[in-house]
């Protein structure tokens, strides 16, 4: 007896142990949904916008270590693009299904039909057309294999509507178990070069390790920790690499660069004579626009990355290591242990200074110009009350720029999710839902701004319907504050079209969707308000007024410089 294309797709998803798919329904996918009614073990998470579905799947992938799966019908096929692009640039594996009208119907002007393959070809690793049921098993195996191997990323599967009802006899309904998670296949860097890199580290006076999110994707955290301990090398991270080791660990300095780096951490880059980049594409945020370190410098650079196009892309390297971070570092650690290597340069203990400078920021005197809640005081409360297994989702804006350098409460691993590969607004809220499904036992907090809230407030219905214990913290400054900061403090101009109506009631919006709501206005109420929200058995919404980034400049070096010239307060 033959199977329909829809039945084959669902059977293949089961072969890859897929438990959750994020999406919303459309008429071109009804043939698939008809069969889905018989497959309750694959839970379909109904969302309210395709863009949010993609962000949910991306966050799900980050936390679960498995490819996220997202589905979009042809009427909304362009909407997931921001989430797919974030996953592509950030190297996060997604299996991205779209349905489409029959082949060539878009040439006739068929409603909802466009050339989806061309549209997504530049932001996916590969794009396949499912037009014959018999080929689906082969193409889905390839999709999972491509998404999870090498440099991970999203793969597009374009389901033609006629294929869903097409019947075929298939005898290859099997998956590849190694591709149910990522990285599926690990390649070690050239051993000779690993030994050369180790010699450079051993001879360095002030070496520094900097980990990007590729190190997290590889699961290299425990090896980075052991290597840093053995060789006594400090470890910094980019904002997307935050969590590679505990920020309480004696070798951890915290986040570096222009999105969460602070004066203490960025100073390590200035002093280092050898920098070992692991799983980092040395982008603008992790290097403060290639000023930390400068492009022309005397430092010796070692670069380990699974992607050869990243190696030496911005900095001239002494040693380029192309391979999986975890397995390549395991080899380096093995050589170091076998030879009982100890660096001749004695490390100065920096942990006391690290903690002192961070505590000074968390407890600093609030600038007189502040109105509402001073963000360092809020982060201090988070450090005091968050369970270690908590997950934080955040996005570009005031909500992340204070939390990234000051939050230390989370367990090591991918517990701090940001979308700083591209940095589009509207990430934190949908990402929280994806994270909550990936780790059912973790408290999840979404830290977002009122600028982003306009992109996804409709998703609160999803939160209310599903009922997960997610706490949304809305940083309210009635503006696109990041743009104000850049305009005023860097361009020395007046803000243009950045401000919102201050009379809008976001609390009423959230109440209308059935969330438990509070407004946080006094510093002494931070802890009780947070504790009440997190204890609530369901979604909570906390509105928190803050000033915009041009009023008090936070943790962006060029903003801090601009604020000092204007005699404005800053936090750095």
Protein backbone atom coordinates (compact mmCIF):
# COMPACT_ATOMS: atom_id res chain seq x y z
CA UNK A 1 0.00 0.00 0.00
CA UNK A 2 1.32 3.43 -0.93
CA UNK A 3 1.75 6.43 1.36
CA UNK A 4 0.90 10.03 0.63
CA UNK A 5 3.55 12.71 0.66
CA UNK A 6 2.04 14.13 3.84
CA UNK A 7 2.28 10.76 5.59
CA UNK A 8 5.88 10.32 4.48
CA UNK A 9 6.87 13.78 5.79
CA UNK A 10 5.40 13.05 9.22
CA UNK A 11 6.96 9.60 9.36
CA UNK A 12 10.36 11.07 8.54
CA UNK A 13 9.96 13.68 11.28
CA UNK A 14 9.37 10.82 13.72
CA UNK A 15 12.51 9.11 12.42
CA UNK A 16 14.43 12.22 13.52
CA UNK A 17 12.74 12.31 16.93
CA UNK A 18 11.04 15.63 16.23
CA UNK A 19 8.66 16.50 19.08
CA UNK A 20 7.74 20.12 18.30
CA UNK A 21 7.00 22.10 15.16
CA UNK A 22 6.30 25.84 15.24
CA UNK A 23 3.96 27.43 12.73
CA UNK A 24 0.48 28.54 11.77
CA UNK A 25 -2.00 27.00 9.31
CA UNK A 26 -2.66 27.89 5.71
CA UNK A 27 -4.79 26.40 2.95
CA UNK A 28 -1.85 25.13 0.92
CA UNK A 29 -0.83 22.89 3.84
CA UNK A 30 -4.23 21.38 4.66
CA UNK A 31 -3.19 18.07 3.10
CA UNK A 32 -0.44 17.82 5.71
CA UNK A 33 -2.67 18.84 8.61
CA UNK A 34 -5.23 16.16 7.68
CA UNK A 35 -2.57 13.54 8.37
CA UNK A 36 -1.16 15.38 11.40
CA UNK A 37 -4.37 14.65 13.30
CA UNK A 38 -3.15 11.04 13.46
CA UNK A 39 0.32 11.98 14.79
CA UNK A 40 -0.22 13.47 18.29
CA UNK A 41 3.37 12.73 19.34
CA UNK A 42 4.55 15.56 17.08
CA UNK A 43 3.17 18.65 18.78
CA UNK A 44 2.27 21.56 16.53
CA UNK A 45 2.80 24.89 18.33
CA UNK A 46 0.23 27.27 16.87
CA UNK A 47 1.66 30.81 16.72
CA UNK A 48 0.21 34.10 15.49
CA UNK A 49 2.92 35.24 13.09
CA UNK A 50 5.34 33.29 10.90
CA UNK A 51 8.27 35.50 11.89
CA UNK A 52 7.72 34.57 15.51
CA UNK A 53 7.46 30.89 14.57
CA UNK A 54 10.95 31.05 13.07
CA UNK A 55 12.40 32.84 16.11
CA UNK A 56 10.80 30.20 18.36
CA UNK A 57 12.35 27.38 16.35
CA UNK A 58 15.74 29.11 16.38
CA UNK A 59 15.69 29.47 20.18
CA UNK A 60 14.41 25.90 20.54
CA UNK A 61 17.41 24.71 18.56
CA UNK A 62 19.85 26.68 20.70
CA UNK A 63 18.54 25.23 23.97
CA UNK A 64 17.74 21.66 22.86
CA UNK A 65 20.83 21.03 20.73
CA UNK A 66 18.52 19.66 18.02
CA UNK A 67 17.44 21.27 14.76
CA UNK A 68 14.37 23.45 15.27
CA UNK A 69 11.47 22.79 12.90
CA UNK A 70 9.25 25.55 11.55
CA UNK A 71 6.41 25.45 9.00
CA UNK A 72 4.86 28.28 7.01
CA UNK A 73 2.08 28.22 4.39
CA UNK A 74 2.41 30.07 1.11
CA UNK A 75 0.28 33.13 2.06
CA UNK A 76 2.81 34.06 4.75
CA UNK A 77 5.88 32.58 3.15
CA UNK A 78 7.89 35.82 3.27
CA UNK A 79 7.18 36.45 6.97
CA UNK A 80 9.68 33.97 8.50
CA UNK A 81 12.63 35.61 6.71
CA UNK A 82 14.00 37.54 9.75
CA UNK A 83 14.16 34.36 11.84
CA UNK A 84 15.58 32.26 9.03
CA UNK A 85 18.21 34.92 8.33
CA UNK A 86 19.16 35.08 12.02
CA UNK A 87 19.63 31.30 12.06
CA UNK A 88 21.66 31.41 8.84
CA UNK A 89 24.06 34.13 10.00
CA UNK A 90 24.24 32.63 13.49
CA UNK A 91 24.78 29.06 12.21
CA UNK A 92 21.75 27.56 13.97
CA UNK A 93 20.24 24.47 12.30
CA UNK A 94 16.57 24.71 11.28
CA UNK A 95 14.36 22.51 9.12
CA UNK A 96 12.14 25.08 7.42
CA UNK A 97 9.03 23.79 5.65
CA UNK A 98 6.90 25.96 3.40
CA UNK A 99 3.91 24.87 1.36
CA UNK A 100 3.30 26.22 -2.11
CA UNK A 101 0.80 26.20 -4.95
CA UNK A 102 1.33 23.63 -7.68
CA UNK A 103 4.42 23.92 -9.90
CA UNK A 104 4.32 26.84 -12.34
CA UNK A 105 1.01 28.16 -10.92
CA UNK A 106 2.84 31.26 -9.68
CA UNK A 107 3.63 32.00 -13.34
CA UNK A 108 -0.13 32.16 -13.95
CA UNK A 109 -0.60 34.69 -11.18
CA UNK A 110 -2.01 32.14 -8.72
CA UNK A 111 -2.80 33.76 -5.38
CA UNK A 112 0.01 33.25 -2.81
CA UNK A 113 2.43 31.86 -5.38
CA UNK A 114 5.98 33.19 -5.67
CA UNK A 115 9.32 31.58 -6.43
CA UNK A 116 10.07 30.57 -2.86
CA UNK A 117 13.31 28.84 -3.78
CA UNK A 118 14.87 32.01 -5.15
CA UNK A 119 13.53 34.02 -2.23
CA UNK A 120 15.22 31.85 0.40
CA UNK A 121 18.28 30.68 -1.52
CA UNK A 122 20.59 33.32 -0.01
CA UNK A 123 19.64 32.73 3.66
CA UNK A 124 19.51 28.93 3.77
CA UNK A 125 22.23 26.35 3.28
CA UNK A 126 20.13 24.53 0.68
CA UNK A 127 16.58 24.73 -0.68
CA UNK A 128 14.74 21.65 -1.93
CA UNK A 129 11.46 21.25 -3.81
CA UNK A 130 9.24 18.40 -2.63
CA UNK A 131 7.17 17.66 -5.74
CA UNK A 132 7.23 13.85 -5.79
CA UNK A 133 6.30 11.76 -2.77
CA UNK A 134 8.85 9.07 -3.60
CA UNK A 135 11.78 11.50 -3.21
CA UNK A 136 10.76 12.88 0.19
CA UNK A 137 12.77 10.44 2.38
CA UNK A 138 15.97 11.12 0.43
CA UNK A 139 15.48 14.90 0.52
CA UNK A 140 14.60 14.98 4.22
CA UNK A 141 17.67 12.93 5.12
CA UNK A 142 19.75 15.38 3.15
CA UNK A 143 18.02 18.32 4.84
CA UNK A 144 18.80 17.10 8.37
CA UNK A 145 22.35 16.13 7.34
CA UNK A 146 23.09 19.50 5.75
CA UNK A 147 21.47 21.47 8.60
CA UNK A 148 23.46 19.76 11.36
CA UNK A 149 26.88 19.21 9.76
CA UNK A 150 29.81 21.48 8.91
CA UNK A 151 28.73 25.04 9.59
CA UNK A 152 25.15 24.42 10.81
CA UNK A 153 22.24 26.41 9.44
CA UNK A 154 18.68 26.37 8.11
CA UNK A 155 17.56 24.19 5.20
CA UNK A 156 14.41 24.99 3.21
CA UNK A 157 11.92 22.30 2.15
CA UNK A 158 9.32 23.64 -0.28
CA UNK A 159 6.27 21.36 -0.24
CA UNK A 160 4.22 21.61 -3.44
CA UNK A 161 0.54 21.18 -2.63
CA UNK A 162 0.08 18.35 -5.12
CA UNK A 163 2.92 16.40 -3.49
CA UNK A 164 1.11 16.20 -0.16
CA UNK A 165 -1.64 14.02 -1.70
CA UNK A 166 0.65 12.22 -4.16
CA UNK A 167 1.00 8.51 -3.34
CA UNK A 168 4.11 6.40 -3.67
CA UNK A 169 5.52 3.05 -2.60
CA UNK A 170 8.55 3.85 -0.48
CA UNK A 171 11.09 1.43 1.00
CA UNK A 172 13.57 3.94 2.46
CA UNK A 173 11.68 5.37 5.44
CA UNK A 174 14.70 5.74 7.70
CA UNK A 175 16.63 8.59 9.25
CA UNK A 176 20.26 9.07 10.19
CA UNK A 177 20.33 9.05 14.00
CA UNK A 178 23.55 11.07 14.16
CA UNK A 179 21.71 13.97 12.49
CA UNK A 180 19.00 14.22 15.16
CA UNK A 181 21.28 16.65 17.03
CA UNK A 182 24.20 18.87 16.17
CA UNK A 183 27.01 18.91 15.33
CA UNK A 184 26.29 15.63 13.59
CA UNK A 185 29.78 15.00 12.19
CA UNK A 186 32.91 16.38 13.82
CA UNK A 187 36.15 17.06 11.96
CA UNK A 188 39.34 17.63 13.91
CA UNK A 189 41.68 20.42 12.88
CA UNK A 190 45.09 19.37 11.53
CA UNK A 191 47.04 17.91 14.51
CA UNK A 192 50.31 19.55 13.46
CA UNK A 193 48.64 22.98 13.55
CA UNK A 194 46.98 22.24 16.91
CA UNK A 195 50.42 21.54 18.35
CA UNK A 196 51.75 24.74 16.79
CA UNK A 197 48.91 26.71 18.37
CA UNK A 198 49.60 25.08 21.74
CA UNK A 199 53.26 26.14 21.54
CA UNK A 200 52.20 29.74 20.88
CA UNK A 201 49.96 29.68 23.95
CA UNK A 202 52.71 28.19 26.07
CA UNK A 203 55.19 30.92 25.07
CA UNK A 204 52.72 33.79 25.51
CA UNK A 205 53.12 36.30 28.30
CA UNK A 206 49.44 37.29 28.44
CA UNK A 207 47.32 34.91 26.35
CA UNK A 208 43.56 35.25 26.10
CA UNK A 209 40.84 32.88 24.90
CA UNK A 210 37.74 34.41 23.29
CA UNK A 211 34.79 32.11 22.57
CA UNK A 212 31.93 32.82 20.20
CA UNK A 213 28.67 30.99 19.79
CA UNK A 214 30.32 28.37 17.59
CA UNK A 215 32.01 27.08 20.75
CA UNK A 216 28.58 26.75 22.39
CA UNK A 217 27.12 24.99 19.34
CA UNK A 218 29.99 22.52 19.47
CA UNK A 219 29.42 21.82 23.17
CA UNK A 220 33.03 22.78 23.84
CA UNK A 221 32.43 24.44 27.22
CA UNK A 222 33.86 21.68 29.49
CA UNK A 223 36.98 21.37 27.33
CA UNK A 224 37.51 25.14 27.24
CA UNK A 225 37.25 25.15 31.03
CA UNK A 226 39.81 22.35 31.48
CA UNK A 227 42.23 23.86 28.97
CA UNK A 228 42.02 27.31 30.57
CA UNK A 229 42.66 25.79 34.01
CA UNK A 230 45.63 23.72 32.87
CA UNK A 231 47.28 26.55 30.94
CA UNK A 232 46.00 29.35 33.21
CA UNK A 233 44.50 31.37 30.36
CA UNK A 234 41.61 33.82 30.95
CA UNK A 235 38.42 33.18 28.96
CA UNK A 236 36.25 35.92 27.52
CA UNK A 237 33.20 35.51 25.32
CA UNK A 238 31.26 37.45 22.74
CA UNK A 239 27.64 38.24 23.62
CA UNK A 240 26.48 35.17 21.67
CA UNK A 241 29.13 33.01 23.35
CA UNK A 242 28.08 34.01 26.88
CA UNK A 243 27.81 30.91 29.04
CA UNK A 244 30.66 28.85 27.57
CA UNK A 245 31.91 28.54 31.15
CA UNK A 246 30.46 29.82 34.40
CA UNK A 247 31.14 33.53 34.91
CA UNK A 248 32.04 32.65 38.50
CA UNK A 249 34.87 30.43 37.28
CA UNK A 250 38.33 31.73 38.21
CA UNK A 251 39.36 31.83 34.52
CA UNK A 252 36.26 33.70 33.30
CA UNK A 253 36.51 37.42 32.63
CA UNK A 254 33.01 37.74 31.11
CA UNK A 255 31.78 39.28 27.87
CA UNK A 256 34.04 41.42 25.66
CA UNK A 257 33.46 43.79 22.75
CA UNK A 258 30.87 46.48 22.13
CA UNK A 259 27.74 44.55 23.15
CA UNK A 260 28.27 43.70 26.77
CA UNK A 261 31.98 44.26 27.20
CA UNK A 262 32.97 46.48 30.11
CA UNK A 263 36.13 48.39 30.85
CA UNK A 264 37.55 45.52 32.92
CA UNK A 265 37.02 42.83 30.27
CA UNK A 266 38.01 44.86 27.23
CA UNK A 267 41.28 45.77 28.92
CA UNK A 268 42.34 42.12 28.62
CA UNK A 269 42.22 42.44 24.83
CA UNK A 270 44.50 45.47 24.95
CA UNK A 271 47.05 43.65 27.11
CA UNK A 272 47.00 40.24 25.41
CA UNK A 273 49.94 39.25 23.23
CA UNK A 274 48.26 36.04 21.96
CA UNK A 275 44.50 35.80 21.36
CA UNK A 276 42.88 32.42 20.71
CA UNK A 277 39.49 32.84 18.99
CA UNK A 278 37.29 29.74 19.27
CA UNK A 279 34.06 29.47 17.28
CA UNK A 280 33.97 33.21 16.59
CA UNK A 281 33.61 34.96 13.26
CA UNK A 282 35.40 38.02 14.72
CA UNK A 283 32.40 40.20 13.85
CA UNK A 284 31.91 43.88 14.63
CA UNK A 285 30.14 43.41 17.96
CA UNK A 286 32.74 41.06 19.43
CA UNK A 287 35.60 43.35 18.43
CA UNK A 288 34.07 46.81 18.96
CA UNK A 289 34.11 47.47 15.23
CA UNK A 290 37.56 45.81 14.90
CA UNK A 291 39.06 48.20 17.43
CA UNK A 292 39.55 45.56 20.14
CA UNK A 293 41.96 44.45 18.87
CA UNK A 294 42.73 46.83 16.04
CA UNK A 295 43.09 45.34 12.59
CA UNK A 296 46.75 46.34 12.39
CA UNK A 297 48.34 45.08 15.59
CA UNK A 298 51.29 43.13 16.88
CA UNK A 299 49.22 40.45 18.59
CA UNK A 300 49.51 36.82 17.54
CA UNK A 301 46.12 35.42 16.55
CA UNK A 302 45.07 31.77 16.70
CA UNK A 303 41.70 31.08 15.12
CA UNK A 304 39.72 27.82 15.49
CA UNK A 305 36.45 27.53 13.57
CA UNK A 306 34.48 24.87 11.74
CA UNK A 307 33.98 27.27 8.85
CA UNK A 308 37.08 27.87 6.69
CA UNK A 309 35.69 31.14 5.34
CA UNK A 310 35.83 32.60 8.87
CA UNK A 311 39.49 31.80 9.44
CA UNK A 312 41.61 34.92 9.19
CA UNK A 313 38.66 36.78 7.73
CA UNK A 314 39.39 40.01 9.61
CA UNK A 315 42.68 39.43 11.41
CA UNK A 316 45.95 38.06 10.12
CA UNK A 317 46.46 34.76 11.90
CA UNK A 318 49.58 32.94 13.03
CA UNK A 319 47.68 29.63 13.15
CA UNK A 320 44.35 28.84 11.48
CA UNK A 321 42.60 25.72 12.72
CA UNK A 322 39.70 24.42 10.63
CA UNK A 323 37.66 21.96 12.63
CA UNK A 324 35.07 21.30 15.29
CA UNK A 325 35.86 23.22 18.46
CA UNK A 326 35.18 20.45 20.96
CA UNK A 327 37.11 17.62 19.31
CA UNK A 328 40.01 19.87 18.27
CA UNK A 329 40.39 21.26 21.80
CA UNK A 330 40.19 17.74 23.23
CA UNK A 331 43.24 16.87 21.15
CA UNK A 332 45.03 20.01 22.34
CA UNK A 333 44.20 19.13 25.95
CA UNK A 334 45.45 15.58 25.42
CA UNK A 335 48.82 16.82 24.15
CA UNK A 336 49.08 19.26 27.05
CA UNK A 337 48.36 16.50 29.60
CA UNK A 338 50.72 13.98 27.99
CA UNK A 339 53.55 16.50 28.15
CA UNK A 340 52.56 17.84 31.57
CA UNK A 341 52.65 21.35 30.15
CA UNK A 342 52.65 24.34 32.46
CA UNK A 343 53.13 27.88 31.26
CA UNK A 344 56.26 29.58 32.52
CA UNK A 345 54.43 32.89 32.84
CA UNK A 346 52.58 33.05 36.14
CA UNK A 347 49.00 34.30 35.86
CA UNK A 348 48.04 37.25 38.00
CA UNK A 349 44.88 36.36 39.93
CA UNK A 350 42.21 38.65 38.51
CA UNK A 351 39.03 37.21 40.02
CA UNK A 352 38.96 39.61 42.97
CA UNK A 353 39.28 42.60 40.64
CA UNK A 354 36.70 41.10 38.26
CA UNK A 355 34.13 40.69 41.01
CA UNK A 356 34.92 44.03 42.63
CA UNK A 357 34.48 46.01 39.43
CA UNK A 358 31.25 44.18 38.59
CA UNK A 359 29.89 44.78 42.09
CA UNK A 360 30.75 48.46 41.82
CA UNK A 361 28.62 48.68 38.68
CA UNK A 362 25.74 46.76 40.25
CA UNK A 363 25.81 49.05 43.28
CA UNK A 364 26.88 52.32 41.70
CA UNK A 365 25.21 55.53 42.69
CA UNK A 366 22.25 56.12 40.45
CA UNK A 367 22.73 59.16 38.17
CA UNK A 368 20.45 62.02 39.18
CA UNK A 369 19.08 62.15 35.64
CA UNK A 370 17.62 58.64 35.97
CA UNK A 371 13.86 58.17 35.88
CA UNK A 372 12.16 54.87 36.60
CA UNK A 373 14.26 51.78 37.31
CA UNK A 374 18.04 51.93 37.03
CA UNK A 375 18.90 48.75 35.06
CA UNK A 376 22.00 47.71 37.09
CA UNK A 377 19.81 47.47 40.20
CA UNK A 378 17.37 45.26 38.31
CA UNK A 379 20.17 42.94 37.14
CA UNK A 380 21.48 42.76 40.71
CA UNK A 381 18.10 41.43 41.81
CA UNK A 382 18.15 38.88 38.98
CA UNK A 383 21.53 37.63 40.18
CA UNK A 384 20.11 37.21 43.68
CA UNK A 385 16.89 35.33 42.89
CA UNK A 386 17.26 33.49 39.57
CA UNK A 387 17.49 29.70 39.81
CA UNK A 388 20.66 28.50 38.13
CA UNK A 389 18.72 26.60 35.44
CA UNK A 390 16.88 29.74 34.30
CA UNK A 391 16.89 30.81 30.67
CA UNK A 392 17.06 34.48 29.65
CA UNK A 393 16.04 35.66 26.20
CA UNK A 394 16.86 39.18 25.12
CA UNK A 395 17.39 41.33 22.05
CA UNK A 396 19.07 44.50 20.80
CA UNK A 397 18.35 47.38 23.15
CA UNK A 398 18.57 48.55 26.72
CA UNK A 399 17.23 45.17 27.86
CA UNK A 400 20.42 43.36 26.76
CA UNK A 401 23.16 45.93 27.05
CA UNK A 402 23.01 46.02 30.88
CA UNK A 403 22.17 42.37 31.41
CA UNK A 404 24.92 40.92 29.24
CA UNK A 405 27.90 42.25 31.25
CA UNK A 406 26.32 42.11 34.72
CA UNK A 407 24.24 38.90 34.86
CA UNK A 408 26.20 36.00 36.38
CA UNK A 409 23.49 33.80 37.89
CA UNK A 410 23.01 31.33 35.06
CA UNK A 411 24.50 27.86 34.77
CA UNK A 412 27.12 27.37 32.05
CA UNK A 413 25.75 26.46 28.64
CA UNK A 414 23.25 28.13 26.35
CA UNK A 415 21.03 29.75 28.96
CA UNK A 416 21.36 33.34 27.68
CA UNK A 417 19.83 33.73 24.23
CA UNK A 418 20.25 36.83 22.13
CA UNK A 419 19.92 37.46 18.41
CA UNK A 420 23.11 39.41 17.94
CA UNK A 421 24.00 37.68 14.70
CA UNK A 422 21.71 40.13 12.88
CA UNK A 423 20.07 42.01 15.76
CA UNK A 424 16.51 42.44 14.45
CA UNK A 425 13.88 43.67 16.89
CA UNK A 426 11.13 41.37 18.07
CA UNK A 427 13.20 38.38 19.22
CA UNK A 428 12.98 38.04 23.00
CA UNK A 429 9.27 37.19 23.35
CA UNK A 430 9.01 34.44 20.71
CA UNK A 431 12.44 33.08 21.66
CA UNK A 432 11.17 32.61 25.21
CA UNK A 433 8.40 30.34 23.95
CA UNK A 434 10.84 28.26 21.91
CA UNK A 435 13.17 27.95 24.91
CA UNK A 436 10.29 26.94 27.19
CA UNK A 437 9.44 23.98 24.94
CA UNK A 438 13.10 22.98 24.62
CA UNK A 439 13.55 22.83 28.41
CA UNK A 440 10.20 22.20 30.07
CA UNK A 441 11.63 22.56 33.60
CA UNK A 442 13.45 25.87 33.25
CA UNK A 443 12.07 29.23 34.39
CA UNK A 444 12.17 31.51 31.34
CA UNK A 445 12.41 35.30 31.35
CA UNK A 446 12.01 37.39 28.20
CA UNK A 447 13.71 40.78 28.46
CA UNK A 448 12.40 43.02 25.67
CA UNK A 449 11.84 46.66 24.84
CA UNK A 450 8.70 48.58 23.98
CA UNK A 451 10.10 49.13 20.49
CA UNK A 452 10.16 45.36 19.96
CA UNK A 453 6.79 44.86 21.60
CA UNK A 454 5.11 46.48 18.63
CA UNK A 455 6.46 43.65 16.46
CA UNK A 456 4.98 40.76 18.42
CA UNK A 457 2.38 41.79 21.00
CA UNK A 458 -0.16 39.56 19.24
CA UNK A 459 1.91 36.57 20.34
CA UNK A 460 0.68 37.14 23.90
CA UNK A 461 -2.39 35.16 22.85
CA UNK A 462 -0.06 32.20 22.26
CA UNK A 463 1.44 32.67 25.72
CA UNK A 464 -2.00 32.80 27.31
CA UNK A 465 -3.33 29.78 25.38
CA UNK A 466 -0.29 27.59 26.07
CA UNK A 467 0.08 28.76 29.66
CA UNK A 468 3.77 28.21 30.21
CA UNK A 469 5.51 29.90 33.13
CA UNK A 470 7.26 32.64 31.17
CA UNK A 471 7.91 36.09 32.60
CA UNK A 472 8.07 39.00 30.17
CA UNK A 473 9.92 42.11 31.36
CA UNK A 474 9.07 45.10 29.17
CA UNK A 475 11.73 47.81 29.35
CA UNK A 476 9.72 50.93 28.61
CA UNK A 477 11.41 54.14 27.47
CA UNK A 478 8.77 55.16 24.90
CA UNK A 479 11.30 55.24 22.10
CA UNK A 480 13.67 53.36 19.86
CA UNK A 481 16.31 54.09 22.47
CA UNK A 482 19.21 52.41 20.67
CA UNK A 483 18.74 54.70 17.69
CA UNK A 484 18.59 57.70 20.04
CA UNK A 485 21.87 56.60 21.62
CA UNK A 486 23.65 56.28 18.29
CA UNK A 487 22.18 59.53 16.95
CA UNK A 488 22.89 61.71 19.96
CA UNK A 489 26.11 60.24 21.35
CA UNK A 490 27.93 59.28 18.14
CA UNK A 491 26.46 61.34 15.30
CA UNK A 492 25.95 64.37 17.56
CA UNK A 493 22.54 64.91 15.95
CA UNK A 494 18.96 65.30 17.07
CA UNK A 495 16.78 62.15 17.19
CA UNK A 496 14.59 61.64 14.14
CA UNK A 497 11.30 59.71 14.38
CA UNK A 498 12.30 57.65 17.41
CA UNK A 499 9.63 58.44 20.02
CA UNK A 500 6.30 56.75 20.85
CA UNK A 501 3.05 57.88 22.46
CA UNK A 502 3.73 57.81 26.23
CA UNK A 503 0.03 57.41 27.07
CA UNK A 504 -0.24 53.93 25.53
CA UNK A 505 -1.08 51.26 28.13
CA UNK A 506 0.94 48.13 27.45
CA UNK A 507 -0.38 46.69 30.70
CA UNK A 508 -3.93 46.81 29.39
CA UNK A 509 -2.80 45.10 26.20
CA UNK A 510 -1.24 42.28 28.20
CA UNK A 511 -4.21 42.09 30.56
CA UNK A 512 -6.49 41.78 27.55
CA UNK A 513 -4.59 38.66 26.54
CA UNK A 514 -4.98 37.18 30.03
CA UNK A 515 -1.48 37.59 31.44
CA UNK A 516 -0.79 38.39 35.07
CA UNK A 517 0.42 42.00 34.99
CA UNK A 518 2.44 44.31 37.25
CA UNK A 519 4.17 47.66 36.83
CA UNK A 520 7.55 48.08 38.48
CA UNK A 521 8.25 51.68 39.50
CA UNK A 522 10.24 51.59 42.75
CA UNK A 523 13.62 50.01 43.30
CA UNK A 524 12.56 48.48 46.60
CA UNK A 525 9.85 46.56 44.75
CA UNK A 526 12.14 44.87 42.23
CA UNK A 527 12.60 41.65 44.15
CA UNK A 528 8.97 41.11 45.30
CA UNK A 529 7.62 41.93 41.84
CA UNK A 530 10.02 39.47 40.18
CA UNK A 531 9.32 36.76 42.73
CA UNK A 532 5.55 37.14 42.30
CA UNK A 533 5.84 37.00 38.52
CA UNK A 534 8.07 33.94 38.50
CA UNK A 535 5.93 32.11 41.06
CA UNK A 536 2.79 32.56 38.98
CA UNK A 537 1.62 29.35 37.31
CA UNK A 538 1.35 30.83 33.85
CA UNK A 539 2.66 33.77 31.82
CA UNK A 540 3.39 37.08 33.54
CA UNK A 541 4.04 40.57 32.22
CA UNK A 542 6.03 43.25 34.06
CA UNK A 543 6.30 46.78 32.70
CA UNK A 544 9.44 48.59 33.83
CA UNK A 545 10.12 52.25 32.97
CA UNK A 546 13.74 53.09 32.12
CA UNK A 547 15.54 55.98 30.44
CA UNK A 548 16.72 55.72 26.84
CA UNK A 549 20.35 55.06 25.97
CA UNK A 550 21.18 58.65 25.08
CA UNK A 551 20.30 59.78 28.62
CA UNK A 552 22.61 57.30 30.40
CA UNK A 553 25.12 55.66 28.05
CA UNK A 554 25.53 51.91 28.72
CA UNK A 555 28.42 49.53 27.85
CA UNK A 556 28.97 50.63 24.25
CA UNK A 557 32.48 52.11 24.14
CA UNK A 558 31.78 54.75 21.50
CA UNK A 559 28.62 55.84 23.34
CA UNK A 560 30.54 56.12 26.59
CA UNK A 561 33.11 58.31 24.85
CA UNK A 562 30.33 60.48 23.40
CA UNK A 563 28.62 60.79 26.76
CA UNK A 564 31.82 61.94 28.44
CA UNK A 565 32.25 64.66 25.81
CA UNK A 566 28.71 65.84 26.51
CA UNK A 567 29.15 65.53 30.27
CA UNK A 568 26.42 62.90 30.46
CA UNK A 569 26.46 59.87 32.78
CA UNK A 570 27.55 56.45 31.57
CA UNK A 571 27.91 52.89 32.86
CA UNK A 572 31.03 51.03 31.71
